[in-house]
N, C-alpha and C. Protein backbone atom coordinates (compact mmCIF):
# COMPACT_ATOMS: atom_id res chain seq x y z
N THR A 1 -60.55 -6.57 16.15
CA THR A 1 -59.49 -6.36 16.36
C THR A 1 -59.91 -4.66 15.81
N ILE A 2 -58.88 -3.53 15.98
CA ILE A 2 -59.89 -2.07 16.12
C ILE A 2 -60.27 -1.75 14.52
N PHE A 3 -59.62 -2.48 13.82
CA PHE A 3 -60.41 -1.95 12.47
C PHE A 3 -61.23 -2.94 12.19
N ARG A 4 -61.91 -3.41 12.01
CA ARG A 4 -62.92 -4.72 12.22
C ARG A 4 -63.94 -3.89 12.88
N TYR A 5 -63.82 -3.18 13.51
CA TYR A 5 -64.83 -2.76 14.74
C TYR A 5 -65.26 -0.76 13.51
N MET A 6 -63.74 -0.52 12.58
CA MET A 6 -64.29 0.91 12.46
C MET A 6 -64.92 0.16 10.64
N TYR A 7 -64.51 -0.86 10.71
CA TYR A 7 -64.87 -1.67 8.84
C TYR A 7 -66.88 -1.70 9.36
N ALA A 8 -66.71 -2.38 10.50
CA ALA A 8 -68.73 -2.53 10.38
C ALA A 8 -69.42 -1.69 10.69
N GLY A 9 -68.41 -0.36 11.65
CA GLY A 9 -68.77 1.15 11.36
C GLY A 9 -69.56 1.74 10.03
N ALA A 10 -68.37 1.78 9.16
CA ALA A 10 -68.58 2.05 8.16
C ALA A 10 -69.66 0.92 7.13
N GLY A 11 -69.59 0.14 7.88
CA GLY A 11 -70.79 -0.92 7.05
C GLY A 11 -71.98 -0.05 6.68
N HIS A 12 -72.01 0.38 8.21
CA HIS A 12 -74.04 0.65 8.84
C HIS A 12 -74.07 2.38 8.91
N ALA A 13 -73.17 2.74 8.70
CA ALA A 13 -73.17 4.39 8.13
C ALA A 13 -73.77 4.39 6.70
N ASP A 14 -72.64 3.75 5.92
CA ASP A 14 -73.11 3.08 4.30
C ASP A 14 -74.84 2.66 3.99
N ALA A 15 -75.48 1.93 5.25
CA ALA A 15 -76.91 1.70 5.10
C ALA A 15 -77.31 2.64 5.85
N SER A 16 -76.46 3.90 6.10
CA SER A 16 -77.42 5.42 6.90
C SER A 16 -77.88 4.88 8.21
N GLU A 17 -76.78 3.56 9.19
CA GLU A 17 -77.77 3.44 9.98
C GLU A 17 -76.22 4.33 11.28
N PHE A 18 -76.55 5.89 11.08
CA PHE A 18 -75.35 6.29 11.60
C PHE A 18 -74.96 6.06 13.36
N GLN A 19 -76.39 6.05 14.01
CA GLN A 19 -76.51 5.49 15.53
C GLN A 19 -75.46 4.41 15.72
N HIS A 20 -75.38 3.10 14.94
CA HIS A 20 -74.56 2.04 15.43
C HIS A 20 -73.39 2.08 14.97
N CYS A 21 -72.81 3.28 14.04
CA CYS A 21 -71.59 3.41 13.17
C CYS A 21 -71.03 4.53 14.21
N ILE A 22 -71.87 5.12 14.71
CA ILE A 22 -70.83 5.99 15.83
C ILE A 22 -70.55 5.50 16.85
N VAL A 23 -71.79 4.24 17.49
CA VAL A 23 -71.29 4.19 19.20
C VAL A 23 -70.00 2.99 18.40
N LEU A 24 -69.81 2.10 17.29
CA LEU A 24 -68.77 1.02 17.01
C LEU A 24 -67.32 2.29 17.24
N TRP A 25 -67.51 3.60 16.12
CA TRP A 25 -66.39 4.22 15.87
C TRP A 25 -65.31 4.55 17.15
N ASN A 26 -66.41 4.85 17.79
CA ASN A 26 -65.93 5.64 19.51
C ASN A 26 -65.84 4.41 20.22
N TYR A 27 -65.83 3.30 19.99
CA TYR A 27 -65.05 2.39 20.61
C TYR A 27 -64.50 2.32 20.51
N ALA A 28 -63.71 1.75 19.08
CA ALA A 28 -62.76 1.64 18.68
C ALA A 28 -61.58 2.85 18.31
N LEU A 29 -62.13 4.12 18.96
CA LEU A 29 -61.46 5.14 19.08
C LEU A 29 -60.59 5.37 20.68
N GLY A 30 -61.70 4.53 21.52
CA GLY A 30 -61.25 5.06 22.91
C GLY A 30 -60.23 3.27 23.37
N LEU A 31 -60.35 2.43 22.67
CA LEU A 31 -59.43 1.36 21.82
C LEU A 31 -58.03 1.87 21.41
N LYS A 32 -58.35 2.77 20.30
CA LYS A 32 -57.16 3.20 19.37
C LYS A 32 -56.30 3.92 20.91
N ILE A 33 -57.03 5.01 21.67
CA ILE A 33 -56.37 5.36 21.90
C ILE A 33 -55.45 5.38 23.23
N GLN A 34 -56.40 3.71 23.96
CA GLN A 34 -55.80 3.06 24.97
C GLN A 34 -54.26 2.66 24.37
N LYS A 35 -54.60 1.62 23.77
CA LYS A 35 -53.51 1.06 22.98
C LYS A 35 -52.30 1.88 22.26
N GLU A 36 -52.18 3.21 21.47
CA GLU A 36 -51.69 3.38 20.93
C GLU A 36 -51.72 5.16 22.03
N THR A 37 -50.84 6.63 21.37
CA THR A 37 -51.13 7.63 21.32
C THR A 37 -51.86 8.17 20.46
N LEU A 38 -51.95 9.57 21.05
CA LEU A 38 -52.57 10.45 19.86
C LEU A 38 -51.49 11.25 19.27
N LEU A 39 -50.14 10.57 19.50
CA LEU A 39 -49.17 10.62 18.24
C LEU A 39 -49.44 9.81 17.06
N SER A 40 -49.08 8.70 17.34
CA SER A 40 -49.01 7.88 15.95
C SER A 40 -50.54 8.64 15.24
N SER A 41 -49.77 8.22 13.38
CA SER A 41 -50.89 8.49 12.28
C SER A 41 -51.76 7.74 12.22
N ASP A 42 -51.85 6.63 12.51
CA ASP A 42 -52.85 5.58 12.49
C ASP A 42 -54.59 6.36 13.60
N THR A 43 -53.57 7.03 15.01
CA THR A 43 -54.36 7.09 15.49
C THR A 43 -55.36 8.56 15.19
N SER A 44 -53.98 9.72 14.68
CA SER A 44 -54.83 10.45 14.35
C SER A 44 -55.88 10.55 13.08
N PHE A 45 -55.60 9.58 12.01
CA PHE A 45 -56.66 9.01 11.09
C PHE A 45 -57.99 8.72 12.15
N THR A 46 -57.75 7.84 12.55
CA THR A 46 -59.58 7.35 13.79
C THR A 46 -59.51 9.03 14.27
N VAL A 47 -58.99 9.73 14.58
CA VAL A 47 -59.58 10.77 15.65
C VAL A 47 -60.10 11.59 14.31
N ARG A 48 -59.82 11.71 13.21
CA ARG A 48 -60.49 12.43 12.39
C ARG A 48 -61.31 11.68 11.58
N ALA A 49 -61.44 10.93 11.38
CA ALA A 49 -62.50 9.93 10.71
C ALA A 49 -63.41 10.29 12.03
N VAL A 50 -63.70 9.99 12.95
CA VAL A 50 -64.33 9.40 13.79
C VAL A 50 -65.88 11.52 14.01
N ILE A 51 -64.68 12.00 13.49
CA ILE A 51 -64.67 13.74 13.75
C ILE A 51 -65.43 13.70 12.54
N GLN A 52 -65.22 12.90 11.33
CA GLN A 52 -64.97 13.98 10.57
C GLN A 52 -66.90 13.32 9.94
N LEU A 53 -66.60 11.93 10.82
CA LEU A 53 -68.45 11.65 10.84
C LEU A 53 -69.18 11.97 11.42
N PHE A 54 -69.08 12.80 12.93
CA PHE A 54 -70.29 13.21 13.16
C PHE A 54 -70.64 14.61 12.17
N MET A 55 -69.54 15.32 12.23
CA MET A 55 -69.67 16.41 11.05
C MET A 55 -70.32 16.14 10.26
N ASN A 56 -70.46 14.97 9.32
CA ASN A 56 -71.49 15.31 7.79
C ASN A 56 -72.53 14.74 8.14
N ILE A 57 -72.67 14.32 9.72
CA ILE A 57 -74.24 13.68 9.85
C ILE A 57 -74.53 15.26 10.91
N TYR A 58 -74.12 15.68 11.14
CA TYR A 58 -74.34 16.86 11.91
C TYR A 58 -75.22 18.30 10.94
N LEU A 59 -73.98 17.85 9.27
CA LEU A 59 -74.45 19.34 8.09
C LEU A 59 -75.99 17.87 7.82
N LYS A 60 -76.06 17.30 7.28
CA LYS A 60 -76.63 16.34 7.71
C LYS A 60 -78.29 16.12 7.41
N GLU A 61 -77.62 16.37 9.04
CA GLU A 61 -79.38 16.77 10.31
C GLU A 61 -79.53 18.29 10.66
N ALA A 62 -78.58 19.07 9.55
CA ALA A 62 -79.39 19.93 9.50
C ALA A 62 -80.27 20.06 8.27
N HIS A 63 -80.58 19.16 7.60
CA HIS A 63 -81.49 19.55 6.12
C HIS A 63 -82.56 18.45 6.69
N ASP A 64 -82.00 17.76 7.15
CA ASP A 64 -83.38 16.92 7.60
C ASP A 64 -84.04 16.64 8.41
N HIS A 65 -83.51 17.48 9.74
CA HIS A 65 -84.09 17.24 10.67
C HIS A 65 -84.35 16.23 11.91
N THR A 66 -83.07 15.39 11.05
CA THR A 66 -83.09 14.07 11.51
C THR A 66 -81.84 14.20 13.17
N ARG A 67 -82.03 13.01 14.24
CA ARG A 67 -81.32 13.00 15.44
C ARG A 67 -80.64 11.83 15.14
N ASP A 68 -79.33 11.06 14.72
CA ASP A 68 -78.54 10.78 14.64
C ASP A 68 -77.52 10.84 15.72
N LEU A 69 -76.88 12.02 15.88
CA LEU A 69 -75.81 12.72 16.49
C LEU A 69 -76.38 13.07 17.44
N ARG A 70 -75.67 12.02 19.26
CA ARG A 70 -76.54 12.44 20.02
C ARG A 70 -74.83 13.46 21.04
N PHE A 71 -75.64 14.48 21.89
CA PHE A 71 -74.47 14.86 22.66
C PHE A 71 -73.11 14.09 23.00
N ARG A 72 -74.35 13.10 24.03
CA ARG A 72 -73.42 12.07 24.81
C ARG A 72 -71.95 11.24 24.32
N ASP A 73 -72.29 11.37 22.32
CA ASP A 73 -71.45 10.34 21.86
C ASP A 73 -70.16 11.54 22.14
N VAL A 74 -70.69 12.64 21.47
CA VAL A 74 -69.61 13.60 20.96
C VAL A 74 -69.10 13.64 22.17
N VAL A 75 -69.68 13.87 23.88
CA VAL A 75 -68.64 13.67 25.23
C VAL A 75 -67.83 12.71 24.68
N ASN A 76 -68.34 11.38 24.36
CA ASN A 76 -67.28 10.51 25.11
C ASN A 76 -65.94 10.45 23.83
N ALA A 77 -66.56 10.89 22.60
CA ALA A 77 -65.36 11.49 21.75
C ALA A 77 -64.65 11.83 22.54
N THR A 78 -64.56 12.64 22.97
CA THR A 78 -63.68 14.00 23.79
C THR A 78 -63.33 13.30 24.17
N ARG A 79 -64.14 12.85 25.45
CA ARG A 79 -63.19 12.36 26.27
C ARG A 79 -62.27 11.00 26.48
N HIS A 80 -61.89 10.50 25.55
CA HIS A 80 -61.40 9.43 24.74
C HIS A 80 -60.41 10.13 24.82
N ILE A 81 -60.13 11.73 23.71
CA ILE A 81 -59.16 12.36 23.35
C ILE A 81 -58.75 12.71 24.50
N ASN A 82 -59.38 13.70 25.83
CA ASN A 82 -58.95 14.10 26.60
C ASN A 82 -58.18 13.09 27.46
N ALA A 83 -58.10 12.12 27.41
CA ALA A 83 -57.65 10.98 28.22
C ALA A 83 -56.20 10.95 27.77
N GLY A 84 -56.27 10.99 26.12
CA GLY A 84 -54.66 10.86 25.92
C GLY A 84 -54.10 12.25 26.01
N MET A 85 -54.23 13.28 25.74
CA MET A 85 -53.53 14.74 25.65
C MET A 85 -52.74 14.55 26.83
N LYS A 86 -52.55 14.24 27.97
CA LYS A 86 -51.34 13.91 28.70
C LYS A 86 -50.07 13.95 28.22
N THR A 87 -50.38 12.50 28.19
CA THR A 87 -49.27 11.31 27.46
C THR A 87 -48.38 12.35 26.14
N ALA A 88 -49.29 12.27 25.54
CA ALA A 88 -49.05 12.53 24.01
C ALA A 88 -48.33 14.49 24.35
N LEU A 89 -48.53 15.01 24.88
CA LEU A 89 -48.27 16.34 25.54
C LEU A 89 -46.55 16.15 26.19
N HIS A 90 -46.20 15.20 27.21
CA HIS A 90 -45.16 14.40 27.37
C HIS A 90 -44.20 14.38 25.89
N LEU A 91 -45.08 13.32 25.40
CA LEU A 91 -43.92 12.81 24.62
C LEU A 91 -43.38 13.81 23.70
N THR A 92 -44.57 15.16 23.00
CA THR A 92 -44.06 16.32 22.66
C THR A 92 -42.66 16.65 22.81
N SER A 93 -42.47 16.50 24.49
CA SER A 93 -42.06 17.50 24.99
C SER A 93 -40.01 17.17 25.06
N LEU A 94 -40.25 15.85 24.69
CA LEU A 94 -39.20 14.71 24.50
C LEU A 94 -38.26 15.27 23.34
N HIS A 95 -36.61 15.24 23.34
CA HIS A 95 -36.24 15.31 21.69
C HIS A 95 -35.25 13.83 21.38
N PRO A 96 -35.31 13.60 20.94
CA PRO A 96 -35.21 14.48 19.33
C PRO A 96 -37.19 14.03 19.44
N GLN A 97 -37.29 15.60 18.07
CA GLN A 97 -38.90 15.26 18.44
C GLN A 97 -39.14 14.93 16.53
N HIS A 98 -39.77 13.81 16.63
CA HIS A 98 -40.30 13.29 15.25
C HIS A 98 -41.45 14.57 14.38
N ARG A 99 -41.16 14.98 13.04
CA ARG A 99 -41.83 15.68 12.39
C ARG A 99 -43.09 15.11 12.38
N ILE A 100 -43.47 13.66 11.85
CA ILE A 100 -44.94 13.45 11.61
C ILE A 100 -45.02 13.01 12.89
N GLN A 101 -45.13 12.83 14.01
CA GLN A 101 -45.19 12.69 15.23
C GLN A 101 -46.64 14.50 15.60
N LEU A 102 -45.27 15.36 15.82
CA LEU A 102 -45.81 16.79 15.63
C LEU A 102 -47.18 17.45 15.19
N GLU A 103 -46.72 16.95 13.38
CA GLU A 103 -48.34 16.79 12.72
C GLU A 103 -49.14 16.17 12.84
N ASN A 104 -49.36 15.11 13.23
CA ASN A 104 -50.54 13.88 14.25
C ASN A 104 -51.07 14.13 14.81
N PHE A 105 -50.35 15.12 15.73
CA PHE A 105 -50.83 15.85 17.25
C PHE A 105 -51.62 17.28 16.73
N ASP A 106 -51.09 17.99 15.78
CA ASP A 106 -51.59 19.32 15.18
C ASP A 106 -53.25 18.60 14.66
N ILE A 107 -52.95 17.48 14.06
CA ILE A 107 -54.71 16.72 13.02
C ILE A 107 -55.76 16.93 14.34
N VAL A 108 -55.03 16.38 15.79
CA VAL A 108 -55.50 15.70 16.61
C VAL A 108 -55.90 17.49 17.46
N LEU A 109 -55.85 17.97 17.61
CA LEU A 109 -56.07 19.59 17.80
C LEU A 109 -56.97 19.89 16.78
N TYR A 110 -56.86 20.12 15.75
CA TYR A 110 -58.10 20.73 15.24
C TYR A 110 -59.30 19.62 14.87
N SER A 111 -59.02 18.52 15.37
CA SER A 111 -60.37 17.63 15.34
C SER A 111 -60.97 17.93 16.70
N TRP A 112 -60.17 17.91 18.23
CA TRP A 112 -61.26 18.33 19.49
C TRP A 112 -62.01 19.75 19.15
N LEU A 113 -61.14 20.74 18.34
CA LEU A 113 -61.92 21.80 17.90
C LEU A 113 -63.09 21.80 17.18
N HIS A 114 -63.09 20.98 17.07
CA HIS A 114 -64.10 20.13 15.98
C HIS A 114 -65.34 19.38 17.12
N LEU A 115 -65.23 18.60 18.24
CA LEU A 115 -65.45 18.32 18.43
C LEU A 115 -66.32 19.14 19.77
N VAL A 116 -65.39 20.41 20.33
CA VAL A 116 -65.78 21.17 21.10
C VAL A 116 -66.81 21.93 19.91
N PHE A 117 -66.80 22.37 18.63
CA PHE A 117 -67.80 22.82 18.41
C PHE A 117 -69.45 22.06 18.33
N LEU A 118 -69.07 21.31 18.34
CA LEU A 118 -70.53 20.35 17.68
C LEU A 118 -70.64 20.00 19.85
N LEU A 119 -70.23 19.86 20.01
CA LEU A 119 -70.73 20.05 21.80
C LEU A 119 -71.37 21.26 21.80
N LEU A 120 -71.21 22.32 21.38
CA LEU A 120 -71.55 23.42 21.65
C LEU A 120 -72.68 23.42 20.59
N LYS A 121 -72.80 23.12 19.64
CA LYS A 121 -74.52 22.93 19.25
C LYS A 121 -75.06 21.70 19.50
N LEU A 122 -74.59 21.14 20.23
CA LEU A 122 -75.78 20.54 20.50
C LEU A 122 -76.04 20.15 22.06
N ALA A 123 -75.38 20.87 22.50
CA ALA A 123 -76.14 20.93 24.37
C ALA A 123 -76.93 21.20 24.46
N GLN A 124 -78.24 21.31 25.15
CA GLN A 124 -79.46 21.64 25.49
C GLN A 124 -79.34 21.95 26.73
N THR A 125 -79.09 21.79 27.34
CA THR A 125 -79.52 22.33 28.93
C THR A 125 -78.11 22.04 29.70
N GLU A 126 -78.16 23.46 30.89
CA GLU A 126 -77.02 24.12 31.63
C GLU A 126 -76.54 23.13 32.38
N THR A 127 -76.75 21.48 32.86
CA THR A 127 -75.70 20.49 32.50
C THR A 127 -75.13 20.64 31.76
N ASP A 128 -75.47 19.99 30.29
CA ASP A 128 -74.76 20.09 29.21
C ASP A 128 -73.54 20.66 29.03
N ARG A 129 -74.13 22.65 29.11
CA ARG A 129 -72.80 23.55 28.54
C ARG A 129 -72.25 22.73 30.24
N GLY A 130 -72.49 22.66 31.18
CA GLY A 130 -71.14 22.92 32.40
C GLY A 130 -70.21 21.57 31.94
N GLU A 131 -70.73 20.49 30.91
CA GLU A 131 -70.16 19.15 30.91
C GLU A 131 -69.21 19.49 29.40
N VAL A 132 -68.87 20.50 29.36
CA VAL A 132 -68.25 21.17 27.91
C VAL A 132 -67.74 21.77 28.76
N PHE A 133 -68.01 22.91 29.30
CA PHE A 133 -67.10 23.31 29.96
C PHE A 133 -65.77 22.80 30.62
N HIS A 134 -66.39 21.40 31.81
CA HIS A 134 -65.48 20.84 32.36
C HIS A 134 -64.41 20.06 31.32
N LEU A 135 -64.95 19.95 30.69
CA LEU A 135 -63.89 18.62 29.09
C LEU A 135 -63.23 20.06 28.32
N VAL A 136 -63.43 21.19 28.06
CA VAL A 136 -62.74 21.85 27.59
C VAL A 136 -61.13 22.81 29.20
N GLU A 137 -62.32 23.01 30.03
CA GLU A 137 -60.93 23.38 30.99
C GLU A 137 -59.84 22.37 30.86
N HIS A 138 -60.31 21.03 31.56
CA HIS A 138 -59.29 20.10 31.36
C HIS A 138 -58.16 19.88 31.02
N THR A 139 -59.24 20.26 29.31
CA THR A 139 -57.67 20.12 28.04
C THR A 139 -57.22 21.68 28.37
N ARG A 140 -57.44 22.46 28.93
CA ARG A 140 -57.25 23.75 28.35
C ARG A 140 -56.18 24.21 29.76
N LYS A 141 -56.00 23.31 30.73
CA LYS A 141 -55.80 23.20 31.92
C LYS A 141 -53.66 22.53 31.46
N LEU A 142 -54.08 22.00 30.21
CA LEU A 142 -53.28 21.04 30.33
C LEU A 142 -52.15 22.41 29.72
N GLY A 143 -52.42 23.24 29.19
CA GLY A 143 -51.14 24.28 28.27
C GLY A 143 -50.98 23.54 27.17
N VAL A 144 -52.54 23.05 26.38
CA VAL A 144 -51.69 22.23 25.48
C VAL A 144 -51.41 23.16 23.77
N LYS A 145 -50.44 22.68 23.59
CA LYS A 145 -50.52 23.53 22.50
C LYS A 145 -49.71 23.72 20.85
N SER A 146 -49.53 23.76 19.99
CA SER A 146 -49.30 23.13 18.61
C SER A 146 -48.24 22.94 18.29
N SER A 147 -48.09 22.25 16.88
CA SER A 147 -46.68 22.19 16.84
C SER A 147 -45.34 23.73 16.64
N SER A 148 -46.49 24.46 16.49
CA SER A 148 -46.46 25.75 16.04
C SER A 148 -45.92 26.87 17.08
N GLY A 149 -46.70 25.92 17.88
CA GLY A 149 -46.58 27.21 19.56
C GLY A 149 -48.09 28.23 19.80
N ASP A 150 -49.06 27.16 18.75
CA ASP A 150 -50.87 27.60 19.11
C ASP A 150 -50.60 27.71 20.26
N SER A 151 -51.73 28.56 20.35
CA SER A 151 -52.53 27.90 21.79
C SER A 151 -53.97 27.60 21.22
N LEU A 152 -54.93 26.59 21.72
CA LEU A 152 -56.22 26.02 21.42
C LEU A 152 -56.71 27.30 21.28
N LEU A 153 -57.22 29.12 21.44
CA LEU A 153 -57.33 29.94 21.37
C LEU A 153 -57.37 30.12 19.88
N HIS A 154 -55.94 30.15 19.39
CA HIS A 154 -55.17 30.09 18.55
C HIS A 154 -55.29 30.09 16.74
N LEU A 155 -55.28 28.51 17.79
CA LEU A 155 -55.93 27.05 16.14
C LEU A 155 -57.65 27.13 16.66
N ALA A 156 -58.60 27.78 17.03
CA ALA A 156 -59.35 27.80 17.16
C ALA A 156 -60.62 29.17 16.19
N VAL A 157 -59.56 30.55 15.38
CA VAL A 157 -59.25 31.51 15.91
C VAL A 157 -58.55 31.39 14.17
N ASN A 158 -57.52 30.42 13.82
CA ASN A 158 -57.43 30.16 12.20
C ASN A 158 -57.83 29.41 11.03
N SER A 159 -57.57 30.36 10.29
CA SER A 159 -58.63 29.92 8.87
C SER A 159 -57.81 29.09 8.59
N SER A 160 -56.55 28.13 9.35
CA SER A 160 -56.49 26.89 8.18
C SER A 160 -56.98 25.81 9.20
N SER A 161 -57.90 26.69 10.37
CA SER A 161 -58.92 25.14 11.13
C SER A 161 -59.92 24.04 10.47
N ALA A 162 -60.00 24.43 9.13
CA ALA A 162 -60.80 23.54 8.25
C ALA A 162 -60.47 22.10 8.68
N LEU A 163 -61.48 21.08 9.14
CA LEU A 163 -61.52 20.02 8.60
C LEU A 163 -61.02 19.25 7.18
N ARG A 164 -59.80 18.74 7.29
CA ARG A 164 -59.47 17.75 6.15
C ARG A 164 -59.69 16.54 6.08
C-alpha cells in the first residue's frame, strides 16, 4: 500500500538515507494522486510531507554541502502534482463546494509554490531552467486560483505562504 512506501521512506530518512526516502515518497505521491484527487485530505497531507522533506533536505544541504536532493526528484514531484491539477480544478468548480476540499487544494498550491522555489534553486543549466518554465507554464495556463480567488503570483508573495 501507499502507506507502506511512506513508512519505508521514513525509515530511510531516519537513517539519513535521504535519496532512498525521496524515491519511495515520490513514488507514493504519484500513486496517491492517481488513485485520489489533490482535494483529499490524505493526498494533501502526502504532498505537504514530501515538500517538507525536500525543504528540510535543502536546508540541511546548505550547511553540510551534501547533495541528496536532486533537480530531477523535484521535477518528478512537480509533475505528479501537475498531473492532478486539471481534475482538482474541475472538482473545485462544482457545487456544493466542501470547505475541507478547498482548504486541501490551498495546501497543495502552497506546496507547489515551494517546489517551484526548489526547482529554481536546483536548476543548473539552461535546459533545467527551460524545464522549470514549462512546468510552471503548464499550471499557469490552467488559471489556478486559491479558494479565496488568489492567483499563483498572489500566493507566492503572500506573507502566509510559509510551509506549515
